[in-house]
Every structure is written in C-alpha cells, then in structure tokens.
Amino acid sequence: MTRVRAAARAAWAVVWRPLAGGAGVGIVVWALGMRAASAVVVALAAATLVAVLQRVDGAAEPRPTRRRHEARDGARGEVLDLAWTMVGRDGRAGERALRRLREAGARRVARHGLDLDAPEQADAVAALIGARARATLTRRTHPLPTVRDLVHTLDVLERLGATRSRPATSRPDPELAPEPAPDPRSPR
C-alpha cells in the first residue's frame, strides 16, 4: 500500500498546480461572462501553460568547452590548411595562402638585406627574385595572382635560400651622417 500511496503523492505533486491554475482561470473568465464551453477551453489552455512553465528549467545550459588546437609551424594540419586555401573560387590564389607567402617572402628577402615593402628597393628586390615573383608578393588588389604565379614564387624563394647573398645595408641616420667635404675649387 505504501507504493501506491507514494505514486499517488508524486502524481498529485505534479498535477495540482496545473489543475489549480486552470480551474482558477476558468472560474474567473466564466464569472466575467464567458460561455461555459469557452471558459473550459481557456481553463485547459491555462492548465497547459502552467504545466509547461512548471517543467521549464531556469538554469542556463552549460556551454561545451571548446577544444583548443595548438598549431605548430610546419605541422601536418598547417600544410593541409595551406593546400586547401591555395585556390580561391575563381581559380586564382586564395588570400590566405597569398598572405602566408607574403610573410615568408618578406622574411626571405629581409635575410638578403632588402625590404619587400620599400618602394626605393623595388629594383633590387626584382633583381634578387625576379619581376614576376616581386609582383606576386606585392600585389594587394584584385585580381589576385594565379596559382601558377604562386607556385613560381614559391620555387624562386626556395632557390633563393635562407643565407645572405650580399652584405646587409644599414640605413644611415641623417643626423649622424658626416658633412660632405668642401670643394677646394669653390670660392668661400
């Protein structure tokens, strides 16, 4: 008998709030002049609403923890990502692959004492890596270079090597630059 009584108490604990809410709303709308059949429908709707609200949990759902992937330079995934981004939608080089190539190209050219972005060194950079590779590395407007241009530039940078082919040029400080010697032929 205790099992039946425990089950009845559990059922009553779940059912009494919707029944009381529905009955209260039904009596109020019937007293305000609604027909009995319509008041029963409104009472059932109110009871349903109370039952749904009774089941709603107010606590926020915990968000799953994001998996952190640490990319190492040269890792298998990095090469795969780069390979997938090499070709854009229109058959030209993808922006992500081109950005990575620019970074590598700037480092490689800097090891040879030149600045890829310096306009005054454009001729020296073109002499070092070629006009096509320089154009590929410095193009930032549409249309982007083709995949063939990207592959050509990769080959050029690979052949270039990581060691200096000429001594680095330092930029002289204009304030510390020595004054030019006076011309002995000029009158003072």
N, C-alpha and C. Protein backbone atom coordinates (compact mmCIF):
# COMPACT_ATOMS: atom_id res chain seq x y z
N MET A 1 0.81 -1.19 0.00
CA MET A 1 0.00 0.00 0.00
C MET A 1 0.86 1.26 0.00
N THR A 2 2.06 1.15 0.52
CA THR A 2 2.91 2.33 0.57
C THR A 2 3.40 2.73 -0.82
N ARG A 3 3.58 1.76 -1.71
CA ARG A 3 3.99 2.11 -3.07
C ARG A 3 2.89 2.86 -3.80
N VAL A 4 1.70 2.43 -3.64
CA VAL A 4 0.57 3.11 -4.29
C VAL A 4 0.41 4.50 -3.73
N ARG A 5 0.54 4.62 -2.44
CA ARG A 5 0.42 5.92 -1.81
C ARG A 5 1.55 6.86 -2.24
N ALA A 6 2.79 6.35 -2.36
CA ALA A 6 3.92 7.16 -2.80
C ALA A 6 3.73 7.61 -4.25
N ALA A 7 3.21 6.72 -5.10
CA ALA A 7 2.95 7.06 -6.50
C ALA A 7 1.85 8.10 -6.60
N ALA A 8 0.82 7.98 -5.77
CA ALA A 8 -0.28 8.94 -5.79
C ALA A 8 0.22 10.31 -5.32
N ARG A 9 1.05 10.35 -4.31
CA ARG A 9 1.58 11.62 -3.84
C ARG A 9 2.47 12.27 -4.90
N ALA A 10 3.30 11.47 -5.59
CA ALA A 10 4.16 12.01 -6.65
C ALA A 10 3.31 12.56 -7.79
N ALA A 11 2.24 11.86 -8.18
CA ALA A 11 1.36 12.33 -9.25
C ALA A 11 0.64 13.61 -8.82
N TRP A 12 0.17 13.64 -7.59
CA TRP A 12 -0.53 14.84 -7.10
C TRP A 12 0.41 16.04 -7.05
N ALA A 13 1.70 15.81 -6.71
CA ALA A 13 2.66 16.91 -6.65
C ALA A 13 2.89 17.51 -8.04
N VAL A 14 2.76 16.70 -9.06
CA VAL A 14 2.96 17.20 -10.43
C VAL A 14 1.68 17.83 -10.97
N VAL A 15 0.53 17.32 -10.60
CA VAL A 15 -0.73 17.71 -11.24
C VAL A 15 -1.44 18.86 -10.54
N TRP A 16 -1.27 19.07 -9.25
CA TRP A 16 -2.12 20.01 -8.53
C TRP A 16 -1.95 21.45 -9.00
N ARG A 17 -0.74 21.89 -9.36
CA ARG A 17 -0.55 23.28 -9.80
C ARG A 17 -1.26 23.57 -11.13
N PRO A 18 -1.10 22.71 -12.16
CA PRO A 18 -1.85 22.99 -13.39
C PRO A 18 -3.37 22.93 -13.20
N LEU A 19 -3.84 21.98 -12.37
CA LEU A 19 -5.28 21.90 -12.13
C LEU A 19 -5.78 23.15 -11.40
N ALA A 20 -5.05 23.61 -10.41
CA ALA A 20 -5.47 24.79 -9.66
C ALA A 20 -5.41 26.03 -10.55
N GLY A 21 -4.36 26.16 -11.35
CA GLY A 21 -4.24 27.32 -12.23
C GLY A 21 -5.34 27.35 -13.28
N GLY A 22 -5.59 26.18 -13.91
CA GLY A 22 -6.64 26.10 -14.93
C GLY A 22 -8.02 26.35 -14.35
N ALA A 23 -8.28 25.77 -13.17
CA ALA A 23 -9.59 25.97 -12.53
C ALA A 23 -9.78 27.42 -12.14
N GLY A 24 -8.73 28.05 -11.62
CA GLY A 24 -8.84 29.46 -11.23
C GLY A 24 -9.11 30.36 -12.43
N VAL A 25 -8.41 30.16 -13.50
CA VAL A 25 -8.61 30.98 -14.71
C VAL A 25 -9.99 30.69 -15.29
N GLY A 26 -10.41 29.41 -15.32
CA GLY A 26 -11.73 29.05 -15.86
C GLY A 26 -12.86 29.70 -15.08
N ILE A 27 -12.76 29.71 -13.76
CA ILE A 27 -13.79 30.31 -12.92
C ILE A 27 -13.83 31.83 -13.14
N VAL A 28 -12.66 32.46 -13.25
CA VAL A 28 -12.62 33.91 -13.44
C VAL A 28 -13.24 34.30 -14.77
N VAL A 29 -12.89 33.62 -15.85
CA VAL A 29 -13.44 34.01 -17.16
C VAL A 29 -14.92 33.67 -17.26
N TRP A 30 -15.40 32.58 -16.58
CA TRP A 30 -16.83 32.27 -16.58
C TRP A 30 -17.60 33.32 -15.79
N ALA A 31 -16.99 33.80 -14.69
CA ALA A 31 -17.63 34.83 -13.87
C ALA A 31 -17.67 36.17 -14.61
N LEU A 32 -16.75 36.41 -15.51
CA LEU A 32 -16.75 37.65 -16.28
C LEU A 32 -17.72 37.60 -17.46
N GLY A 33 -18.40 36.47 -17.68
CA GLY A 33 -19.44 36.42 -18.68
C GLY A 33 -19.15 35.53 -19.87
N MET A 34 -18.15 34.74 -19.84
CA MET A 34 -17.83 33.86 -20.96
C MET A 34 -18.70 32.62 -20.86
N ARG A 35 -19.06 32.06 -22.00
CA ARG A 35 -19.84 30.83 -22.00
C ARG A 35 -19.06 29.73 -21.34
N ALA A 36 -19.74 28.74 -20.82
CA ALA A 36 -19.11 27.66 -20.05
C ALA A 36 -18.15 26.85 -20.92
N ALA A 37 -18.53 26.56 -22.17
CA ALA A 37 -17.66 25.75 -23.05
C ALA A 37 -16.38 26.53 -23.36
N SER A 38 -16.51 27.83 -23.63
CA SER A 38 -15.33 28.66 -23.91
C SER A 38 -14.47 28.80 -22.67
N ALA A 39 -15.09 28.91 -21.49
CA ALA A 39 -14.33 29.01 -20.24
C ALA A 39 -13.54 27.74 -19.98
N VAL A 40 -14.11 26.57 -20.35
CA VAL A 40 -13.39 25.29 -20.18
C VAL A 40 -12.17 25.25 -21.10
N VAL A 41 -12.32 25.74 -22.34
CA VAL A 41 -11.19 25.75 -23.28
C VAL A 41 -10.07 26.68 -22.75
N VAL A 42 -10.45 27.85 -22.26
CA VAL A 42 -9.46 28.77 -21.71
C VAL A 42 -8.81 28.16 -20.47
N ALA A 43 -9.59 27.46 -19.65
CA ALA A 43 -9.04 26.81 -18.46
C ALA A 43 -8.04 25.72 -18.84
N LEU A 44 -8.36 24.94 -19.89
CA LEU A 44 -7.42 23.91 -20.36
C LEU A 44 -6.13 24.55 -20.89
N ALA A 45 -6.27 25.65 -21.60
CA ALA A 45 -5.08 26.36 -22.10
C ALA A 45 -4.24 26.88 -20.94
N ALA A 46 -4.88 27.42 -19.93
CA ALA A 46 -4.15 27.92 -18.77
C ALA A 46 -3.47 26.78 -18.03
N ALA A 47 -4.14 25.65 -17.89
CA ALA A 47 -3.56 24.49 -17.21
C ALA A 47 -2.34 23.98 -17.99
N THR A 48 -2.45 23.98 -19.31
CA THR A 48 -1.32 23.56 -20.15
C THR A 48 -0.14 24.51 -19.97
N LEU A 49 -0.45 25.80 -19.96
CA LEU A 49 0.61 26.79 -19.78
C LEU A 49 1.30 26.62 -18.43
N VAL A 50 0.52 26.38 -17.37
CA VAL A 50 1.11 26.18 -16.05
C VAL A 50 1.96 24.91 -16.04
N ALA A 51 1.51 23.85 -16.70
CA ALA A 51 2.28 22.59 -16.74
C ALA A 51 3.61 22.79 -17.49
N VAL A 52 3.56 23.55 -18.57
CA VAL A 52 4.80 23.80 -19.33
C VAL A 52 5.75 24.65 -18.51
N LEU A 53 5.22 25.71 -17.89
CA LEU A 53 6.08 26.58 -17.08
C LEU A 53 6.66 25.84 -15.88
N GLN A 54 5.94 24.85 -15.39
CA GLN A 54 6.42 24.06 -14.26
C GLN A 54 7.63 23.21 -14.68
N ARG A 55 7.68 22.80 -15.93
CA ARG A 55 8.77 21.96 -16.42
C ARG A 55 9.97 22.73 -16.92
N VAL A 56 9.84 24.04 -17.14
CA VAL A 56 10.94 24.83 -17.67
C VAL A 56 12.00 25.00 -16.59
N ASP A 57 13.24 24.77 -16.99
CA ASP A 57 14.35 24.93 -16.06
C ASP A 57 14.94 26.31 -16.27
N GLY A 58 15.06 27.06 -15.20
CA GLY A 58 15.56 28.43 -15.30
C GLY A 58 17.08 28.52 -15.40
N ALA A 59 17.77 27.43 -15.10
CA ALA A 59 19.23 27.47 -15.16
C ALA A 59 19.69 27.41 -16.61
N ALA A 60 20.71 28.17 -16.91
CA ALA A 60 21.24 28.19 -18.27
C ALA A 60 21.98 26.89 -18.56
N GLU A 61 21.91 26.48 -19.82
CA GLU A 61 22.61 25.27 -20.24
C GLU A 61 24.11 25.53 -20.23
N PRO A 62 24.87 24.62 -19.72
CA PRO A 62 26.33 24.83 -19.76
C PRO A 62 26.83 24.71 -21.20
N ARG A 63 27.73 25.59 -21.57
CA ARG A 63 28.29 25.54 -22.92
C ARG A 63 29.43 24.52 -22.94
N PRO A 64 29.49 23.78 -24.01
CA PRO A 64 30.59 22.82 -24.09
C PRO A 64 31.93 23.55 -24.21
N THR A 65 32.93 22.99 -23.61
CA THR A 65 34.24 23.62 -23.69
C THR A 65 34.78 23.46 -25.10
N ARG A 66 35.39 24.53 -25.59
CA ARG A 66 35.94 24.50 -26.94
C ARG A 66 37.28 23.79 -26.90
N ARG A 67 37.46 22.96 -27.88
CA ARG A 67 38.74 22.28 -27.98
C ARG A 67 39.75 23.25 -28.55
N ARG A 68 40.87 23.38 -27.89
CA ARG A 68 41.92 24.28 -28.34
C ARG A 68 42.93 23.46 -29.13
N HIS A 69 43.16 23.91 -30.32
CA HIS A 69 44.13 23.23 -31.17
C HIS A 69 45.34 24.13 -31.33
N GLU A 70 46.46 23.66 -30.86
CA GLU A 70 47.67 24.44 -30.98
C GLU A 70 48.36 24.05 -32.28
N ALA A 71 48.44 25.01 -33.19
CA ALA A 71 49.09 24.75 -34.47
C ALA A 71 50.58 25.04 -34.34
N ARG A 72 51.36 24.08 -34.71
CA ARG A 72 52.80 24.27 -34.71
C ARG A 72 53.23 24.57 -36.14
N ASP A 73 54.23 25.40 -36.28
CA ASP A 73 54.72 25.73 -37.61
C ASP A 73 55.19 24.46 -38.30
N GLY A 74 54.69 24.28 -39.51
CA GLY A 74 55.10 23.13 -40.30
C GLY A 74 54.38 21.85 -39.95
N ALA A 75 53.40 21.90 -39.08
CA ALA A 75 52.68 20.70 -38.70
C ALA A 75 51.84 20.21 -39.87
N ARG A 76 51.43 18.97 -39.80
CA ARG A 76 50.68 18.36 -40.89
C ARG A 76 49.40 19.13 -41.19
N GLY A 77 48.68 19.54 -40.16
CA GLY A 77 47.44 20.28 -40.35
C GLY A 77 47.67 21.63 -41.00
N GLU A 78 48.79 22.26 -40.67
CA GLU A 78 49.09 23.57 -41.26
C GLU A 78 49.33 23.44 -42.75
N VAL A 79 50.05 22.41 -43.15
CA VAL A 79 50.30 22.20 -44.57
C VAL A 79 48.99 21.88 -45.29
N LEU A 80 48.15 21.10 -44.65
CA LEU A 80 46.85 20.76 -45.24
C LEU A 80 45.97 22.00 -45.38
N ASP A 81 45.93 22.83 -44.34
CA ASP A 81 45.16 24.07 -44.41
C ASP A 81 45.66 24.96 -45.53
N LEU A 82 46.97 25.07 -45.65
CA LEU A 82 47.54 25.91 -46.70
C LEU A 82 47.22 25.35 -48.07
N ALA A 83 47.27 24.04 -48.22
CA ALA A 83 46.94 23.43 -49.52
C ALA A 83 45.49 23.68 -49.89
N TRP A 84 44.58 23.63 -48.93
CA TRP A 84 43.16 23.86 -49.23
C TRP A 84 42.89 25.31 -49.57
N THR A 85 43.69 26.22 -49.06
CA THR A 85 43.43 27.64 -49.31
C THR A 85 44.21 28.19 -50.48
N MET A 86 44.96 27.33 -51.17
CA MET A 86 45.76 27.85 -52.29
C MET A 86 44.89 28.32 -53.45
N VAL A 87 43.80 27.66 -53.70
CA VAL A 87 42.96 28.02 -54.84
C VAL A 87 41.67 28.64 -54.34
N GLY A 88 41.39 29.85 -54.82
CA GLY A 88 40.15 30.53 -54.46
C GLY A 88 39.02 30.09 -55.37
N ARG A 89 37.90 30.79 -55.30
CA ARG A 89 36.72 30.42 -56.08
C ARG A 89 36.92 30.58 -57.58
N ASP A 90 37.65 31.59 -57.98
CA ASP A 90 37.78 31.87 -59.41
C ASP A 90 39.03 31.27 -60.03
N GLY A 91 39.66 30.32 -59.36
CA GLY A 91 40.84 29.67 -59.89
C GLY A 91 42.12 30.43 -59.63
N ARG A 92 42.04 31.53 -58.93
CA ARG A 92 43.23 32.30 -58.59
C ARG A 92 43.69 31.91 -57.19
N ALA A 93 44.83 32.43 -56.80
CA ALA A 93 45.37 32.09 -55.48
C ALA A 93 44.45 32.62 -54.39
N GLY A 94 44.30 31.85 -53.34
CA GLY A 94 43.48 32.28 -52.22
C GLY A 94 44.20 33.34 -51.40
N GLU A 95 43.44 34.19 -50.75
CA GLU A 95 44.02 35.29 -49.98
C GLU A 95 44.84 34.78 -48.80
N ARG A 96 44.38 33.72 -48.15
CA ARG A 96 45.11 33.19 -47.00
C ARG A 96 46.47 32.64 -47.42
N ALA A 97 46.50 31.88 -48.51
CA ALA A 97 47.78 31.34 -48.99
C ALA A 97 48.70 32.47 -49.45
N LEU A 98 48.13 33.48 -50.09
CA LEU A 98 48.94 34.60 -50.55
C LEU A 98 49.51 35.39 -49.37
N ARG A 99 48.73 35.53 -48.30
CA ARG A 99 49.21 36.22 -47.11
C ARG A 99 50.38 35.46 -46.47
N ARG A 100 50.26 34.14 -46.40
CA ARG A 100 51.35 33.33 -45.85
C ARG A 100 52.59 33.41 -46.72
N LEU A 101 52.39 33.43 -48.06
CA LEU A 101 53.52 33.55 -48.97
C LEU A 101 54.20 34.91 -48.83
N ARG A 102 53.40 35.96 -48.65
CA ARG A 102 53.98 37.30 -48.45
C ARG A 102 54.85 37.34 -47.20
N GLU A 103 54.36 36.74 -46.11
CA GLU A 103 55.13 36.72 -44.87
C GLU A 103 56.46 35.98 -45.06
N ALA A 104 56.38 34.81 -45.69
CA ALA A 104 57.61 34.03 -45.92
C ALA A 104 58.54 34.77 -46.88
N GLY A 105 57.98 35.37 -47.92
CA GLY A 105 58.79 36.11 -48.88
C GLY A 105 59.46 37.32 -48.25
N ALA A 106 58.75 38.03 -47.40
CA ALA A 106 59.33 39.20 -46.74
C ALA A 106 60.48 38.77 -45.83
N ARG A 107 60.32 37.66 -45.11
CA ARG A 107 61.40 37.16 -44.26
C ARG A 107 62.60 36.74 -45.10
N ARG A 108 62.34 36.03 -46.20
CA ARG A 108 63.43 35.53 -47.02
C ARG A 108 64.20 36.68 -47.68
N VAL A 109 63.46 37.68 -48.16
CA VAL A 109 64.12 38.84 -48.80
C VAL A 109 64.85 39.66 -47.74
N ALA A 110 64.30 39.76 -46.53
CA ALA A 110 64.96 40.51 -45.47
C ALA A 110 66.27 39.86 -45.07
N ARG A 111 66.37 38.55 -45.18
CA ARG A 111 67.63 37.88 -44.87
C ARG A 111 68.72 38.23 -45.88
N HIS A 112 68.31 38.74 -47.01
CA HIS A 112 69.26 39.16 -48.03
C HIS A 112 69.47 40.67 -47.99
N GLY A 113 68.99 41.31 -46.94
CA GLY A 113 69.26 42.72 -46.72
C GLY A 113 68.32 43.67 -47.43
N LEU A 114 67.17 43.20 -47.88
CA LEU A 114 66.23 44.06 -48.59
C LEU A 114 64.88 44.06 -47.90
N ASP A 115 64.13 45.13 -48.16
CA ASP A 115 62.78 45.26 -47.62
C ASP A 115 61.80 45.14 -48.77
N LEU A 116 60.92 44.16 -48.70
CA LEU A 116 59.97 43.90 -49.78
C LEU A 116 59.00 45.05 -49.98
N ASP A 117 58.66 45.75 -48.90
CA ASP A 117 57.66 46.82 -48.98
C ASP A 117 58.25 48.19 -49.25
N ALA A 118 59.55 48.30 -49.29
CA ALA A 118 60.18 49.61 -49.52
C ALA A 118 60.20 49.91 -51.01
N PRO A 119 59.53 51.01 -51.44
CA PRO A 119 59.49 51.32 -52.87
C PRO A 119 60.86 51.66 -53.45
N GLU A 120 61.75 52.21 -52.63
CA GLU A 120 63.07 52.57 -53.15
C GLU A 120 63.95 51.34 -53.39
N GLN A 121 63.56 50.19 -52.84
CA GLN A 121 64.33 48.96 -53.04
C GLN A 121 63.66 48.02 -54.03
N ALA A 122 62.67 48.51 -54.76
CA ALA A 122 61.91 47.66 -55.67
C ALA A 122 62.80 47.05 -56.75
N ASP A 123 63.71 47.85 -57.31
CA ASP A 123 64.58 47.33 -58.37
C ASP A 123 65.54 46.27 -57.83
N ALA A 124 66.05 46.47 -56.62
CA ALA A 124 66.97 45.50 -56.02
C ALA A 124 66.24 44.20 -55.71
N VAL A 125 64.99 44.30 -55.23
CA VAL A 125 64.20 43.10 -54.94
C VAL A 125 63.90 42.37 -56.23
N ALA A 126 63.54 43.12 -57.29
CA ALA A 126 63.26 42.50 -58.58
C ALA A 126 64.51 41.83 -59.14
N ALA A 127 65.67 42.41 -58.91
CA ALA A 127 66.92 41.78 -59.37
C ALA A 127 67.20 40.51 -58.59
N LEU A 128 66.80 40.48 -57.31
CA LEU A 128 67.07 39.32 -56.47
C LEU A 128 66.12 38.16 -56.77
N ILE A 129 64.83 38.45 -56.87
CA ILE A 129 63.85 37.36 -57.02
C ILE A 129 63.13 37.36 -58.36
N GLY A 130 63.28 38.39 -59.15
CA GLY A 130 62.61 38.46 -60.44
C GLY A 130 61.36 39.31 -60.37
N ALA A 131 61.00 39.85 -61.52
CA ALA A 131 59.86 40.77 -61.57
C ALA A 131 58.54 40.04 -61.30
N ARG A 132 58.39 38.82 -61.82
CA ARG A 132 57.13 38.08 -61.62
C ARG A 132 56.92 37.74 -60.15
N ALA A 133 57.96 37.27 -59.48
CA ALA A 133 57.84 36.92 -58.06
C ALA A 133 57.60 38.17 -57.22
N ARG A 134 58.26 39.27 -57.57
CA ARG A 134 58.05 40.51 -56.83
C ARG A 134 56.62 41.00 -57.00
N ALA A 135 56.10 40.92 -58.23
CA ALA A 135 54.72 41.34 -58.49
C ALA A 135 53.74 40.48 -57.71
N THR A 136 54.02 39.18 -57.62
CA THR A 136 53.13 38.28 -56.87
C THR A 136 53.15 38.62 -55.39
N LEU A 137 54.32 38.92 -54.86
CA LEU A 137 54.43 39.21 -53.42
C LEU A 137 53.88 40.57 -53.04
N THR A 138 53.86 41.51 -53.96
CA THR A 138 53.44 42.87 -53.61
C THR A 138 52.03 43.20 -54.08
N ARG A 139 51.39 42.34 -54.85
CA ARG A 139 50.03 42.63 -55.33
C ARG A 139 49.04 42.51 -54.19
N ARG A 140 48.25 43.55 -54.03
CA ARG A 140 47.24 43.56 -52.97
C ARG A 140 45.86 43.92 -53.51
N THR A 141 45.73 44.04 -54.82
CA THR A 141 44.46 44.41 -55.41
C THR A 141 43.91 43.24 -56.22
N HIS A 142 42.68 43.38 -56.62
CA HIS A 142 42.03 42.37 -57.42
C HIS A 142 42.40 42.57 -58.87
N PRO A 143 42.61 41.64 -59.68
CA PRO A 143 42.56 40.21 -59.43
C PRO A 143 43.82 39.72 -58.75
N LEU A 144 43.64 38.72 -57.91
CA LEU A 144 44.78 38.13 -57.22
C LEU A 144 45.63 37.34 -58.21
N PRO A 145 46.88 37.07 -57.87
CA PRO A 145 47.73 36.29 -58.78
C PRO A 145 47.18 34.89 -58.99
N THR A 146 47.59 34.28 -60.09
CA THR A 146 47.15 32.92 -60.38
C THR A 146 47.93 31.94 -59.52
N VAL A 147 47.47 30.70 -59.51
CA VAL A 147 48.15 29.66 -58.74
C VAL A 147 49.53 29.41 -59.36
N ARG A 148 49.65 29.53 -60.67
CA ARG A 148 50.96 29.36 -61.32
C ARG A 148 51.95 30.43 -60.82
N ASP A 149 51.47 31.67 -60.66
CA ASP A 149 52.33 32.72 -60.12
C ASP A 149 52.75 32.38 -58.70
N LEU A 150 51.83 31.84 -57.92
CA LEU A 150 52.12 31.46 -56.54
C LEU A 150 53.17 30.35 -56.51
N VAL A 151 53.03 29.34 -57.36
CA VAL A 151 53.98 28.23 -57.40
C VAL A 151 55.34 28.73 -57.88
N HIS A 152 55.34 29.61 -58.89
CA HIS A 152 56.60 30.18 -59.38
C HIS A 152 57.32 30.93 -58.26
N THR A 153 56.57 31.72 -57.50
CA THR A 153 57.18 32.49 -56.41
C THR A 153 57.71 31.57 -55.33
N LEU A 154 56.98 30.50 -55.03
CA LEU A 154 57.47 29.53 -54.05
C LEU A 154 58.79 28.92 -54.52
N ASP A 155 58.87 28.57 -55.80
CA ASP A 155 60.11 28.00 -56.34
C ASP A 155 61.26 28.99 -56.25
N VAL A 156 60.98 30.25 -56.59
CA VAL A 156 62.03 31.28 -56.54
C VAL A 156 62.52 31.46 -55.11
N LEU A 157 61.61 31.54 -54.16
CA LEU A 157 62.01 31.73 -52.76
C LEU A 157 62.76 30.51 -52.23
N GLU A 158 62.39 29.34 -52.69
CA GLU A 158 63.09 28.13 -52.27
C GLU A 158 64.51 28.10 -52.83
N ARG A 159 64.67 28.48 -54.10
CA ARG A 159 66.00 28.53 -54.70
C ARG A 159 66.85 29.65 -54.10
N LEU A 160 66.19 30.69 -53.63
CA LEU A 160 66.91 31.83 -53.08
C LEU A 160 67.73 31.44 -51.86
N GLY A 161 67.19 30.58 -51.06
CA GLY A 161 67.92 30.14 -49.88
C GLY A 161 67.74 31.11 -48.73
N ALA A 162 68.19 30.67 -47.57
CA ALA A 162 68.00 31.47 -46.37
C ALA A 162 69.23 32.26 -45.98
N THR A 163 70.32 32.11 -46.71
CA THR A 163 71.54 32.83 -46.35
C THR A 163 71.69 34.07 -47.20
N ARG A 164 72.45 35.00 -46.69
CA ARG A 164 72.64 36.27 -47.38
C ARG A 164 73.54 36.08 -48.60
N SER A 165 73.16 36.75 -49.68
CA SER A 165 73.99 36.70 -50.86
C SER A 165 74.85 37.96 -50.97
N ARG A 166 74.52 38.97 -50.18
CA ARG A 166 75.31 40.20 -50.16
C ARG A 166 75.19 40.79 -48.76
N PRO A 167 76.12 41.64 -48.37
CA PRO A 167 76.06 42.19 -47.01
C PRO A 167 74.84 43.08 -46.83
N ALA A 168 74.35 43.08 -45.62
CA ALA A 168 73.19 43.91 -45.30
C ALA A 168 73.58 45.38 -45.37
N THR A 169 72.69 46.16 -45.92
CA THR A 169 72.93 47.61 -45.98
C THR A 169 72.20 48.25 -44.83
N SER A 170 72.91 49.07 -44.10
CA SER A 170 72.27 49.76 -43.00
C SER A 170 71.84 51.14 -43.49
N ARG A 171 70.75 51.58 -42.99
CA ARG A 171 70.27 52.91 -43.37
C ARG A 171 70.98 53.94 -42.52
N PRO A 172 71.69 54.89 -43.12
CA PRO A 172 72.40 55.88 -42.32
C PRO A 172 71.42 56.84 -41.67
N ASP A 173 71.75 57.25 -40.47
CA ASP A 173 70.95 58.22 -39.75
C ASP A 173 71.32 59.60 -40.29
N PRO A 174 70.35 60.38 -40.81
CA PRO A 174 70.69 61.67 -41.42
C PRO A 174 71.32 62.64 -40.43
N GLU A 175 71.02 62.51 -39.15
CA GLU A 175 71.59 63.43 -38.17
C GLU A 175 73.05 63.09 -37.87
N LEU A 176 73.41 61.82 -38.01
CA LEU A 176 74.77 61.40 -37.72
C LEU A 176 75.64 61.32 -38.96
N ALA A 177 75.08 61.59 -40.11
CA ALA A 177 75.84 61.49 -41.36
C ALA A 177 76.92 62.56 -41.38
N PRO A 178 78.12 62.21 -41.84
CA PRO A 178 79.18 63.22 -41.88
C PRO A 178 78.87 64.27 -42.94
N GLU A 179 79.31 65.47 -42.66
CA GLU A 179 79.10 66.55 -43.62
C GLU A 179 80.01 66.33 -44.81
N PRO A 180 79.57 66.66 -46.00
CA PRO A 180 80.43 66.48 -47.17
C PRO A 180 81.63 67.44 -47.10
N ALA A 181 82.73 66.93 -47.60
CA ALA A 181 83.95 67.75 -47.58
C ALA A 181 83.78 68.92 -48.55
N PRO A 182 84.29 70.11 -48.17
CA PRO A 182 84.13 71.25 -49.06
C PRO A 182 85.00 71.09 -50.31
N ASP A 183 84.46 71.58 -51.39
CA ASP A 183 85.17 71.52 -52.66
C ASP A 183 86.27 72.58 -52.65
N PRO A 184 87.53 72.16 -52.85
CA PRO A 184 88.62 73.16 -52.77
C PRO A 184 88.55 74.17 -53.91
N ARG A 185 87.88 73.86 -54.98
CA ARG A 185 87.82 74.79 -56.12
C ARG A 185 86.75 75.87 -55.93
N SER A 186 85.84 75.66 -55.03
CA SER A 186 84.77 76.63 -54.89
C SER A 186 85.20 77.78 -53.98
N PRO A 187 84.85 79.01 -54.35
CA PRO A 187 85.20 80.15 -53.51
C PRO A 187 84.33 80.18 -52.27
N ARG A 188 84.92 80.65 -51.18
CA ARG A 188 84.17 80.71 -49.93
C ARG A 188 83.51 81.99 -49.79
